[in-house]
Amino acid sequence: MEQLRYKPTPASSPLGGLTTTSTFVLEQP
């Protein structure tokens, strides 16, 4: 299996609510 040199990161979008009590937002790969 190919090991990709990428680590998922939380989104840095200017939109609010990137992290709540039950959700979080990631950058698309």
mmCIF file of all heavy atoms, coordinates in Angstrom:
data_MODEL
# 
_entry.id   MODEL 
# 
loop_
_atom_site.group_PDB 
_atom_site.id 
_atom_site.type_symbol 
_atom_site.label_atom_id 
_atom_site.label_alt_id 
_atom_site.label_comp_id 
_atom_site.label_asym_id 
_atom_site.label_entity_id 
_atom_site.label_seq_id 
_atom_site.pdbx_PDB_ins_code 
_atom_site.Cartn_x 
_atom_site.Cartn_y 
_atom_site.Cartn_z 
_atom_site.occupancy 
_atom_site.B_iso_or_equiv 
_atom_site.pdbx_formal_charge 
_atom_site.auth_seq_id 
_atom_site.auth_comp_id 
_atom_site.auth_asym_id 
_atom_site.auth_atom_id 
_atom_site.pdbx_PDB_model_num 
ATOM 1   N N   . MET A 1 1  ? 0.840   -1.182 0.000  1.00 0.00 ? 1  MET A N   1 
ATOM 2   C CA  . MET A 1 1  ? 0.000   0.000  0.000  1.00 0.00 ? 1  MET A CA  1 
ATOM 3   C C   . MET A 1 1  ? 0.882   1.241  0.000  1.00 0.00 ? 1  MET A C   1 
ATOM 4   O O   . MET A 1 1  ? 1.891   1.296  0.710  1.00 0.00 ? 1  MET A O   1 
ATOM 5   C CB  . MET A 1 1  ? -0.922  0.001  1.223  1.00 0.00 ? 1  MET A CB  1 
ATOM 6   C CG  . MET A 1 1  ? -1.899  1.158  1.247  1.00 0.00 ? 1  MET A CG  1 
ATOM 7   S SD  . MET A 1 1  ? -3.162  0.933  2.507  1.00 0.00 ? 1  MET A SD  1 
ATOM 8   C CE  . MET A 1 1  ? -2.141  0.745  3.959  1.00 0.00 ? 1  MET A CE  1 
ATOM 9   N N   . GLU A 1 2  ? 0.469   2.214  -0.769 1.00 0.00 ? 2  GLU A N   1 
ATOM 10  C CA  . GLU A 1 2  ? 1.252   3.433  -0.886 1.00 0.00 ? 2  GLU A CA  1 
ATOM 11  C C   . GLU A 1 2  ? 1.046   4.304  0.351  1.00 0.00 ? 2  GLU A C   1 
ATOM 12  O O   . GLU A 1 2  ? -0.087  4.605  0.739  1.00 0.00 ? 2  GLU A O   1 
ATOM 13  C CB  . GLU A 1 2  ? 0.851   4.197  -2.143 1.00 0.00 ? 2  GLU A CB  1 
ATOM 14  C CG  . GLU A 1 2  ? 1.679   5.443  -2.397 1.00 0.00 ? 2  GLU A CG  1 
ATOM 15  C CD  . GLU A 1 2  ? 1.270   6.153  -3.673 1.00 0.00 ? 2  GLU A CD  1 
ATOM 16  O OE1 . GLU A 1 2  ? 0.349   5.655  -4.359 1.00 0.00 ? 2  GLU A OE1 1 
ATOM 17  O OE2 . GLU A 1 2  ? 1.857   7.205  -3.973 1.00 0.00 ? 2  GLU A OE2 1 
ATOM 18  N N   . GLN A 1 3  ? 2.125   4.716  0.950  1.00 0.00 ? 3  GLN A N   1 
ATOM 19  C CA  . GLN A 1 3  ? 2.090   5.602  2.103  1.00 0.00 ? 3  GLN A CA  1 
ATOM 20  C C   . GLN A 1 3  ? 2.264   7.041  1.609  1.00 0.00 ? 3  GLN A C   1 
ATOM 21  O O   . GLN A 1 3  ? 3.326   7.409  1.133  1.00 0.00 ? 3  GLN A O   1 
ATOM 22  C CB  . GLN A 1 3  ? 3.194   5.239  3.090  1.00 0.00 ? 3  GLN A CB  1 
ATOM 23  C CG  . GLN A 1 3  ? 3.122   3.819  3.619  1.00 0.00 ? 3  GLN A CG  1 
ATOM 24  C CD  . GLN A 1 3  ? 1.934   3.595  4.535  1.00 0.00 ? 3  GLN A CD  1 
ATOM 25  O OE1 . GLN A 1 3  ? 1.483   4.524  5.217  1.00 0.00 ? 3  GLN A OE1 1 
ATOM 26  N NE2 . GLN A 1 3  ? 1.420   2.385  4.534  1.00 0.00 ? 3  GLN A NE2 1 
ATOM 27  N N   . LEU A 1 4  ? 1.220   7.816  1.722  1.00 0.00 ? 4  LEU A N   1 
ATOM 28  C CA  . LEU A 1 4  ? 1.239   9.190  1.230  1.00 0.00 ? 4  LEU A CA  1 
ATOM 29  C C   . LEU A 1 4  ? 1.777   10.125 2.310  1.00 0.00 ? 4  LEU A C   1 
ATOM 30  O O   . LEU A 1 4  ? 1.423   10.009 3.490  1.00 0.00 ? 4  LEU A O   1 
ATOM 31  C CB  . LEU A 1 4  ? -0.167  9.624  0.824  1.00 0.00 ? 4  LEU A CB  1 
ATOM 32  C CG  . LEU A 1 4  ? -0.835  8.741  -0.234 1.00 0.00 ? 4  LEU A CG  1 
ATOM 33  C CD1 . LEU A 1 4  ? -2.280  9.173  -0.450 1.00 0.00 ? 4  LEU A CD1 1 
ATOM 34  C CD2 . LEU A 1 4  ? -0.072  8.798  -1.545 1.00 0.00 ? 4  LEU A CD2 1 
ATOM 35  N N   . ARG A 1 5  ? 2.605   11.037 1.909  1.00 0.00 ? 5  ARG A N   1 
ATOM 36  C CA  . ARG A 1 5  ? 3.214   11.985 2.850  1.00 0.00 ? 5  ARG A CA  1 
ATOM 37  C C   . ARG A 1 5  ? 2.280   13.182 3.056  1.00 0.00 ? 5  ARG A C   1 
ATOM 38  O O   . ARG A 1 5  ? 2.541   14.295 2.622  1.00 0.00 ? 5  ARG A O   1 
ATOM 39  C CB  . ARG A 1 5  ? 4.580   12.429 2.340  1.00 0.00 ? 5  ARG A CB  1 
ATOM 40  C CG  . ARG A 1 5  ? 5.565   11.279 2.188  1.00 0.00 ? 5  ARG A CG  1 
ATOM 41  C CD  . ARG A 1 5  ? 6.923   11.777 1.741  1.00 0.00 ? 5  ARG A CD  1 
ATOM 42  N NE  . ARG A 1 5  ? 7.517   12.671 2.733  1.00 0.00 ? 5  ARG A NE  1 
ATOM 43  C CZ  . ARG A 1 5  ? 8.703   13.272 2.567  1.00 0.00 ? 5  ARG A CZ  1 
ATOM 44  N NH1 . ARG A 1 5  ? 9.397   13.096 1.441  1.00 0.00 ? 5  ARG A NH1 1 
ATOM 45  N NH2 . ARG A 1 5  ? 9.164   14.072 3.507  1.00 0.00 ? 5  ARG A NH2 1 
ATOM 46  N N   . TYR A 1 6  ? 1.171   12.886 3.690  1.00 0.00 ? 6  TYR A N   1 
ATOM 47  C CA  . TYR A 1 6  ? 0.164   13.932 3.954  1.00 0.00 ? 6  TYR A CA  1 
ATOM 48  C C   . TYR A 1 6  ? -0.469  13.632 5.298  1.00 0.00 ? 6  TYR A C   1 
ATOM 49  O O   . TYR A 1 6  ? -0.793  12.477 5.618  1.00 0.00 ? 6  TYR A O   1 
ATOM 50  C CB  . TYR A 1 6  ? -0.900  13.948 2.859  1.00 0.00 ? 6  TYR A CB  1 
ATOM 51  C CG  . TYR A 1 6  ? -2.051  14.898 3.133  1.00 0.00 ? 6  TYR A CG  1 
ATOM 52  C CD1 . TYR A 1 6  ? -1.938  16.259 2.886  1.00 0.00 ? 6  TYR A CD1 1 
ATOM 53  C CD2 . TYR A 1 6  ? -3.258  14.425 3.646  1.00 0.00 ? 6  TYR A CD2 1 
ATOM 54  C CE1 . TYR A 1 6  ? -2.987  17.126 3.142  1.00 0.00 ? 6  TYR A CE1 1 
ATOM 55  C CE2 . TYR A 1 6  ? -4.314  15.283 3.910  1.00 0.00 ? 6  TYR A CE2 1 
ATOM 56  C CZ  . TYR A 1 6  ? -4.172  16.630 3.653  1.00 0.00 ? 6  TYR A CZ  1 
ATOM 57  O OH  . TYR A 1 6  ? -5.213  17.494 3.908  1.00 0.00 ? 6  TYR A OH  1 
ATOM 58  N N   . LYS A 1 7  ? -0.645  14.674 6.093  1.00 0.00 ? 7  LYS A N   1 
ATOM 59  C CA  . LYS A 1 7  ? -1.280  14.536 7.401  1.00 0.00 ? 7  LYS A CA  1 
ATOM 60  C C   . LYS A 1 7  ? -2.524  15.416 7.426  1.00 0.00 ? 7  LYS A C   1 
ATOM 61  O O   . LYS A 1 7  ? -2.426  16.630 7.216  1.00 0.00 ? 7  LYS A O   1 
ATOM 62  C CB  . LYS A 1 7  ? -0.315  14.955 8.501  1.00 0.00 ? 7  LYS A CB  1 
ATOM 63  C CG  . LYS A 1 7  ? -0.891  14.853 9.911  1.00 0.00 ? 7  LYS A CG  1 
ATOM 64  C CD  . LYS A 1 7  ? 0.103   15.326 10.961 1.00 0.00 ? 7  LYS A CD  1 
ATOM 65  C CE  . LYS A 1 7  ? 1.252   14.343 11.082 1.00 0.00 ? 7  LYS A CE  1 
ATOM 66  N NZ  . LYS A 1 7  ? 2.159   14.692 12.205 1.00 0.00 ? 7  LYS A NZ  1 
ATOM 67  N N   . PRO A 1 8  ? -3.718  14.825 7.626  1.00 0.00 ? 8  PRO A N   1 
ATOM 68  C CA  . PRO A 1 8  ? -4.939  15.647 7.684  1.00 0.00 ? 8  PRO A CA  1 
ATOM 69  C C   . PRO A 1 8  ? -4.814  16.726 8.744  1.00 0.00 ? 8  PRO A C   1 
ATOM 70  O O   . PRO A 1 8  ? -4.274  16.509 9.832  1.00 0.00 ? 8  PRO A O   1 
ATOM 71  C CB  . PRO A 1 8  ? -6.022  14.625 8.046  1.00 0.00 ? 8  PRO A CB  1 
ATOM 72  C CG  . PRO A 1 8  ? -5.482  13.314 7.585  1.00 0.00 ? 8  PRO A CG  1 
ATOM 73  C CD  . PRO A 1 8  ? -4.005  13.392 7.797  1.00 0.00 ? 8  PRO A CD  1 
ATOM 74  N N   . THR A 1 9  ? -5.341  17.900 8.406  1.00 0.00 ? 9  THR A N   1 
ATOM 75  C CA  . THR A 1 9  ? -5.248  19.050 9.309  1.00 0.00 ? 9  THR A CA  1 
ATOM 76  C C   . THR A 1 9  ? -6.617  19.701 9.472  1.00 0.00 ? 9  THR A C   1 
ATOM 77  O O   . THR A 1 9  ? -7.439  19.695 8.544  1.00 0.00 ? 9  THR A O   1 
ATOM 78  C CB  . THR A 1 9  ? -4.268  20.105 8.770  1.00 0.00 ? 9  THR A CB  1 
ATOM 79  O OG1 . THR A 1 9  ? -4.679  20.495 7.450  1.00 0.00 ? 9  THR A OG1 1 
ATOM 80  C CG2 . THR A 1 9  ? -2.863  19.546 8.716  1.00 0.00 ? 9  THR A CG2 1 
ATOM 81  N N   . PRO A 1 10 ? -6.898  20.260 10.634 1.00 0.00 ? 10 PRO A N   1 
ATOM 82  C CA  . PRO A 1 10 ? -8.142  21.022 10.809 1.00 0.00 ? 10 PRO A CA  1 
ATOM 83  C C   . PRO A 1 10 ? -8.183  22.207 9.850  1.00 0.00 ? 10 PRO A C   1 
ATOM 84  O O   . PRO A 1 10 ? -7.156  22.770 9.485  1.00 0.00 ? 10 PRO A O   1 
ATOM 85  C CB  . PRO A 1 10 ? -8.076  21.474 12.273 1.00 0.00 ? 10 PRO A CB  1 
ATOM 86  C CG  . PRO A 1 10 ? -7.165  20.494 12.927 1.00 0.00 ? 10 PRO A CG  1 
ATOM 87  C CD  . PRO A 1 10 ? -6.155  20.119 11.892 1.00 0.00 ? 10 PRO A CD  1 
ATOM 88  N N   . ALA A 1 11 ? -9.386  22.565 9.448  1.00 0.00 ? 11 ALA A N   1 
ATOM 89  C CA  . ALA A 1 11 ? -9.555  23.630 8.475  1.00 0.00 ? 11 ALA A CA  1 
ATOM 90  C C   . ALA A 1 11 ? -9.159  24.971 9.063  1.00 0.00 ? 11 ALA A C   1 
ATOM 91  O O   . ALA A 1 11 ? -9.321  25.223 10.262 1.00 0.00 ? 11 ALA A O   1 
ATOM 92  C CB  . ALA A 1 11 ? -11.002 23.673 7.989  1.00 0.00 ? 11 ALA A CB  1 
ATOM 93  N N   . SER A 1 12 ? -8.645  25.831 8.196  1.00 0.00 ? 12 SER A N   1 
ATOM 94  C CA  . SER A 1 12 ? -8.308  27.201 8.587  1.00 0.00 ? 12 SER A CA  1 
ATOM 95  C C   . SER A 1 12 ? -9.201  28.190 7.858  1.00 0.00 ? 12 SER A C   1 
ATOM 96  O O   . SER A 1 12 ? -8.811  29.311 7.584  1.00 0.00 ? 12 SER A O   1 
ATOM 97  C CB  . SER A 1 12 ? -6.838  27.497 8.261  1.00 0.00 ? 12 SER A CB  1 
ATOM 98  O OG  . SER A 1 12 ? -6.584  27.280 6.873  1.00 0.00 ? 12 SER A OG  1 
ATOM 99  N N   . SER A 1 13 ? -10.402 27.756 7.507  1.00 0.00 ? 13 SER A N   1 
ATOM 100 C CA  . SER A 1 13 ? -11.339 28.609 6.787  1.00 0.00 ? 13 SER A CA  1 
ATOM 101 C C   . SER A 1 13 ? -11.783 29.767 7.670  1.00 0.00 ? 13 SER A C   1 
ATOM 102 O O   . SER A 1 13 ? -11.871 29.634 8.897  1.00 0.00 ? 13 SER A O   1 
ATOM 103 C CB  . SER A 1 13 ? -12.563 27.785 6.359  1.00 0.00 ? 13 SER A CB  1 
ATOM 104 O OG  . SER A 1 13 ? -13.589 28.615 5.882  1.00 0.00 ? 13 SER A OG  1 
ATOM 105 N N   . PRO A 1 14 ? -12.093 30.938 7.075  1.00 0.00 ? 14 PRO A N   1 
ATOM 106 C CA  . PRO A 1 14 ? -12.600 32.064 7.881  1.00 0.00 ? 14 PRO A CA  1 
ATOM 107 C C   . PRO A 1 14 ? -14.002 31.832 8.412  1.00 0.00 ? 14 PRO A C   1 
ATOM 108 O O   . PRO A 1 14 ? -14.504 32.632 9.193  1.00 0.00 ? 14 PRO A O   1 
ATOM 109 C CB  . PRO A 1 14 ? -12.572 33.235 6.882  1.00 0.00 ? 14 PRO A CB  1 
ATOM 110 C CG  . PRO A 1 14 ? -12.650 32.594 5.536  1.00 0.00 ? 14 PRO A CG  1 
ATOM 111 C CD  . PRO A 1 14 ? -11.905 31.304 5.653  1.00 0.00 ? 14 PRO A CD  1 
ATOM 112 N N   . LEU A 1 15 ? -14.658 30.735 8.000  1.00 0.00 ? 15 LEU A N   1 
ATOM 113 C CA  . LEU A 1 15 ? -15.981 30.450 8.511  1.00 0.00 ? 15 LEU A CA  1 
ATOM 114 C C   . LEU A 1 15 ? -15.910 30.114 9.993  1.00 0.00 ? 15 LEU A C   1 
ATOM 115 O O   . LEU A 1 15 ? -14.928 29.564 10.483 1.00 0.00 ? 15 LEU A O   1 
ATOM 116 C CB  . LEU A 1 15 ? -16.602 29.268 7.749  1.00 0.00 ? 15 LEU A CB  1 
ATOM 117 C CG  . LEU A 1 15 ? -16.809 29.462 6.247  1.00 0.00 ? 15 LEU A CG  1 
ATOM 118 C CD1 . LEU A 1 15 ? -17.329 28.175 5.624  1.00 0.00 ? 15 LEU A CD1 1 
ATOM 119 C CD2 . LEU A 1 15 ? -17.772 30.604 5.982  1.00 0.00 ? 15 LEU A CD2 1 
ATOM 120 N N   . GLY A 1 16 ? -16.974 30.438 10.733 1.00 0.00 ? 16 GLY A N   1 
ATOM 121 C CA  . GLY A 1 16 ? -17.002 30.160 12.158 1.00 0.00 ? 16 GLY A CA  1 
ATOM 122 C C   . GLY A 1 16 ? -17.414 28.730 12.447 1.00 0.00 ? 16 GLY A C   1 
ATOM 123 O O   . GLY A 1 16 ? -17.828 27.979 11.567 1.00 0.00 ? 16 GLY A O   1 
ATOM 124 N N   . GLY A 1 17 ? -17.300 28.333 13.698 1.00 0.00 ? 17 GLY A N   1 
ATOM 125 C CA  . GLY A 1 17 ? -17.740 27.023 14.131 1.00 0.00 ? 17 GLY A CA  1 
ATOM 126 C C   . GLY A 1 17 ? -16.919 25.880 13.583 1.00 0.00 ? 17 GLY A C   1 
ATOM 127 O O   . GLY A 1 17 ? -17.464 24.822 13.255 1.00 0.00 ? 17 GLY A O   1 
ATOM 128 N N   . LEU A 1 18 ? -15.602 26.053 13.482 1.00 0.00 ? 18 LEU A N   1 
ATOM 129 C CA  . LEU A 1 18 ? -14.764 24.977 12.954 1.00 0.00 ? 18 LEU A CA  1 
ATOM 130 C C   . LEU A 1 18 ? -14.700 23.804 13.914 1.00 0.00 ? 18 LEU A C   1 
ATOM 131 O O   . LEU A 1 18 ? -14.469 22.676 13.499 1.00 0.00 ? 18 LEU A O   1 
ATOM 132 C CB  . LEU A 1 18 ? -13.361 25.510 12.664 1.00 0.00 ? 18 LEU A CB  1 
ATOM 133 C CG  . LEU A 1 18 ? -13.272 26.619 11.606 1.00 0.00 ? 18 LEU A CG  1 
ATOM 134 C CD1 . LEU A 1 18 ? -11.825 27.033 11.388 1.00 0.00 ? 18 LEU A CD1 1 
ATOM 135 C CD2 . LEU A 1 18 ? -13.902 26.172 10.297 1.00 0.00 ? 18 LEU A CD2 1 
ATOM 136 N N   . THR A 1 19 ? -14.889 24.059 15.187 1.00 0.00 ? 19 THR A N   1 
ATOM 137 C CA  . THR A 1 19 ? -14.937 23.002 16.188 1.00 0.00 ? 19 THR A CA  1 
ATOM 138 C C   . THR A 1 19 ? -16.103 23.273 17.122 1.00 0.00 ? 19 THR A C   1 
ATOM 139 O O   . THR A 1 19 ? -16.217 24.369 17.681 1.00 0.00 ? 19 THR A O   1 
ATOM 140 C CB  . THR A 1 19 ? -13.624 22.945 17.000 1.00 0.00 ? 19 THR A CB  1 
ATOM 141 O OG1 . THR A 1 19 ? -12.534 22.759 16.107 1.00 0.00 ? 19 THR A OG1 1 
ATOM 142 C CG2 . THR A 1 19 ? -13.658 21.788 17.979 1.00 0.00 ? 19 THR A CG2 1 
ATOM 143 N N   . THR A 1 20 ? -16.983 22.279 17.277 1.00 0.00 ? 20 THR A N   1 
ATOM 144 C CA  . THR A 1 20 ? -18.112 22.393 18.196 1.00 0.00 ? 20 THR A CA  1 
ATOM 145 C C   . THR A 1 20 ? -18.018 21.272 19.219 1.00 0.00 ? 20 THR A C   1 
ATOM 146 O O   . THR A 1 20 ? -17.001 20.597 19.323 1.00 0.00 ? 20 THR A O   1 
ATOM 147 C CB  . THR A 1 20 ? -19.443 22.323 17.439 1.00 0.00 ? 20 THR A CB  1 
ATOM 148 O OG1 . THR A 1 20 ? -19.620 20.994 16.901 1.00 0.00 ? 20 THR A OG1 1 
ATOM 149 C CG2 . THR A 1 20 ? -19.483 23.325 16.286 1.00 0.00 ? 20 THR A CG2 1 
ATOM 150 N N   . THR A 1 21 ? -19.097 21.059 19.961 1.00 0.00 ? 21 THR A N   1 
ATOM 151 C CA  . THR A 1 21 ? -19.097 19.988 20.957 1.00 0.00 ? 21 THR A CA  1 
ATOM 152 C C   . THR A 1 21 ? -19.247 18.613 20.336 1.00 0.00 ? 21 THR A C   1 
ATOM 153 O O   . THR A 1 21 ? -19.021 17.607 21.019 1.00 0.00 ? 21 THR A O   1 
ATOM 154 C CB  . THR A 1 21 ? -20.238 20.199 21.966 1.00 0.00 ? 21 THR A CB  1 
ATOM 155 O OG1 . THR A 1 21 ? -21.490 20.276 21.263 1.00 0.00 ? 21 THR A OG1 1 
ATOM 156 C CG2 . THR A 1 21 ? -20.031 21.485 22.757 1.00 0.00 ? 21 THR A CG2 1 
ATOM 157 N N   . SER A 1 22 ? -19.618 18.525 19.040 1.00 0.00 ? 22 SER A N   1 
ATOM 158 C CA  . SER A 1 22 ? -19.811 17.214 18.417 1.00 0.00 ? 22 SER A CA  1 
ATOM 159 C C   . SER A 1 22 ? -19.300 17.148 16.986 1.00 0.00 ? 22 SER A C   1 
ATOM 160 O O   . SER A 1 22 ? -19.468 16.116 16.329 1.00 0.00 ? 22 SER A O   1 
ATOM 161 C CB  . SER A 1 22 ? -21.303 16.839 18.420 1.00 0.00 ? 22 SER A CB  1 
ATOM 162 O OG  . SER A 1 22 ? -22.066 17.790 17.703 1.00 0.00 ? 22 SER A OG  1 
ATOM 163 N N   . THR A 1 23 ? -18.701 18.206 16.464 1.00 0.00 ? 23 THR A N   1 
ATOM 164 C CA  . THR A 1 23 ? -18.207 18.211 15.085 1.00 0.00 ? 23 THR A CA  1 
ATOM 165 C C   . THR A 1 23 ? -16.862 18.928 15.012 1.00 0.00 ? 23 THR A C   1 
ATOM 166 O O   . THR A 1 23 ? -16.505 19.695 15.902 1.00 0.00 ? 23 THR A O   1 
ATOM 167 C CB  . THR A 1 23 ? -19.184 18.929 14.135 1.00 0.00 ? 23 THR A CB  1 
ATOM 168 O OG1 . THR A 1 23 ? -19.228 20.322 14.454 1.00 0.00 ? 23 THR A OG1 1 
ATOM 169 C CG2 . THR A 1 23 ? -20.590 18.346 14.214 1.00 0.00 ? 23 THR A CG2 1 
ATOM 170 N N   . PHE A 1 24 ? -16.144 18.660 13.925 1.00 0.00 ? 24 PHE A N   1 
ATOM 171 C CA  . PHE A 1 24 ? -14.959 19.451 13.597 1.00 0.00 ? 24 PHE A CA  1 
ATOM 172 C C   . PHE A 1 24 ? -14.800 19.463 12.085 1.00 0.00 ? 24 PHE A C   1 
ATOM 173 O O   . PHE A 1 24 ? -15.406 18.653 11.364 1.00 0.00 ? 24 PHE A O   1 
ATOM 174 C CB  . PHE A 1 24 ? -13.694 18.926 14.285 1.00 0.00 ? 24 PHE A CB  1 
ATOM 175 C CG  . PHE A 1 24 ? -13.306 17.519 13.909 1.00 0.00 ? 24 PHE A CG  1 
ATOM 176 C CD1 . PHE A 1 24 ? -12.456 17.276 12.849 1.00 0.00 ? 24 PHE A CD1 1 
ATOM 177 C CD2 . PHE A 1 24 ? -13.774 16.444 14.639 1.00 0.00 ? 24 PHE A CD2 1 
ATOM 178 C CE1 . PHE A 1 24 ? -12.083 15.983 12.502 1.00 0.00 ? 24 PHE A CE1 1 
ATOM 179 C CE2 . PHE A 1 24 ? -13.405 15.143 14.315 1.00 0.00 ? 24 PHE A CE2 1 
ATOM 180 C CZ  . PHE A 1 24 ? -12.560 14.908 13.243 1.00 0.00 ? 24 PHE A CZ  1 
ATOM 181 N N   . VAL A 1 25 ? -14.014 20.386 11.593 1.00 0.00 ? 25 VAL A N   1 
ATOM 182 C CA  . VAL A 1 25 ? -13.885 20.599 10.150 1.00 0.00 ? 25 VAL A CA  1 
ATOM 183 C C   . VAL A 1 25 ? -12.449 20.327 9.730  1.00 0.00 ? 25 VAL A C   1 
ATOM 184 O O   . VAL A 1 25 ? -11.497 20.805 10.360 1.00 0.00 ? 25 VAL A O   1 
ATOM 185 C CB  . VAL A 1 25 ? -14.290 22.044 9.769  1.00 0.00 ? 25 VAL A CB  1 
ATOM 186 C CG1 . VAL A 1 25 ? -14.143 22.256 8.268  1.00 0.00 ? 25 VAL A CG1 1 
ATOM 187 C CG2 . VAL A 1 25 ? -15.725 22.319 10.204 1.00 0.00 ? 25 VAL A CG2 1 
ATOM 188 N N   . LEU A 1 26 ? -12.308 19.551 8.632  1.00 0.00 ? 26 LEU A N   1 
ATOM 189 C CA  . LEU A 1 26 ? -11.007 19.214 8.073  1.00 0.00 ? 26 LEU A CA  1 
ATOM 190 C C   . LEU A 1 26 ? -10.835 19.847 6.704  1.00 0.00 ? 26 LEU A C   1 
ATOM 191 O O   . LEU A 1 26 ? -11.820 20.094 5.996  1.00 0.00 ? 26 LEU A O   1 
ATOM 192 C CB  . LEU A 1 26 ? -10.857 17.695 7.918  1.00 0.00 ? 26 LEU A CB  1 
ATOM 193 C CG  . LEU A 1 26 ? -10.766 16.833 9.165  1.00 0.00 ? 26 LEU A CG  1 
ATOM 194 C CD1 . LEU A 1 26 ? -10.782 15.366 8.759  1.00 0.00 ? 26 LEU A CD1 1 
ATOM 195 C CD2 . LEU A 1 26 ? -9.515  17.152 9.960  1.00 0.00 ? 26 LEU A CD2 1 
ATOM 196 N N   . GLU A 1 27 ? -9.589  20.081 6.336  1.00 0.00 ? 27 GLU A N   1 
ATOM 197 C CA  . GLU A 1 27 ? -9.277  20.435 4.963  1.00 0.00 ? 27 GLU A CA  1 
ATOM 198 C C   . GLU A 1 27 ? -9.428  19.199 4.083  1.00 0.00 ? 27 GLU A C   1 
ATOM 199 O O   . GLU A 1 27 ? -9.069  18.095 4.481  1.00 0.00 ? 27 GLU A O   1 
ATOM 200 C CB  . GLU A 1 27 ? -7.843  20.970 4.858  1.00 0.00 ? 27 GLU A CB  1 
ATOM 201 C CG  . GLU A 1 27 ? -7.598  22.293 5.555  1.00 0.00 ? 27 GLU A CG  1 
ATOM 202 C CD  . GLU A 1 27 ? -8.201  23.474 4.812  1.00 0.00 ? 27 GLU A CD  1 
ATOM 203 O OE1 . GLU A 1 27 ? -8.672  23.285 3.666  1.00 0.00 ? 27 GLU A OE1 1 
ATOM 204 O OE2 . GLU A 1 27 ? -8.188  24.583 5.371  1.00 0.00 ? 27 GLU A OE2 1 
ATOM 205 N N   . GLN A 1 28 ? -9.994  19.383 2.891  1.00 0.00 ? 28 GLN A N   1 
ATOM 206 C CA  . GLN A 1 28 ? -10.085 18.266 1.954  1.00 0.00 ? 28 GLN A CA  1 
ATOM 207 C C   . GLN A 1 28 ? -8.688  17.870 1.467  1.00 0.00 ? 28 GLN A C   1 
ATOM 208 O O   . GLN A 1 28 ? -7.810  18.723 1.321  1.00 0.00 ? 28 GLN A O   1 
ATOM 209 C CB  . GLN A 1 28 ? -10.959 18.637 0.760  1.00 0.00 ? 28 GLN A CB  1 
ATOM 210 C CG  . GLN A 1 28 ? -12.417 18.811 1.090  1.00 0.00 ? 28 GLN A CG  1 
ATOM 211 C CD  . GLN A 1 28 ? -13.251 19.101 -0.145 1.00 0.00 ? 28 GLN A CD  1 
ATOM 212 O OE1 . GLN A 1 28 ? -12.733 19.126 -1.263 1.00 0.00 ? 28 GLN A OE1 1 
ATOM 213 N NE2 . GLN A 1 28 ? -14.537 19.323 0.044  1.00 0.00 ? 28 GLN A NE2 1 
ATOM 214 N N   . PRO A 1 29 ? -8.472  16.574 1.189  1.00 0.00 ? 29 PRO A N   1 
ATOM 215 C CA  . PRO A 1 29 ? -7.147  16.133 0.715  1.00 0.00 ? 29 PRO A CA  1 
ATOM 216 C C   . PRO A 1 29 ? -6.964  16.412 -0.779 1.00 0.00 ? 29 PRO A C   1 
ATOM 217 O O   . PRO A 1 29 ? -6.923  15.498 -1.605 1.00 0.00 ? 29 PRO A O   1 
ATOM 218 C CB  . PRO A 1 29 ? -7.163  14.625 1.015  1.00 0.00 ? 29 PRO A CB  1 
ATOM 219 C CG  . PRO A 1 29 ? -8.605  14.254 0.910  1.00 0.00 ? 29 PRO A CG  1 
ATOM 220 C CD  . PRO A 1 29 ? -9.388  15.443 1.415  1.00 0.00 ? 29 PRO A CD  1 
# 
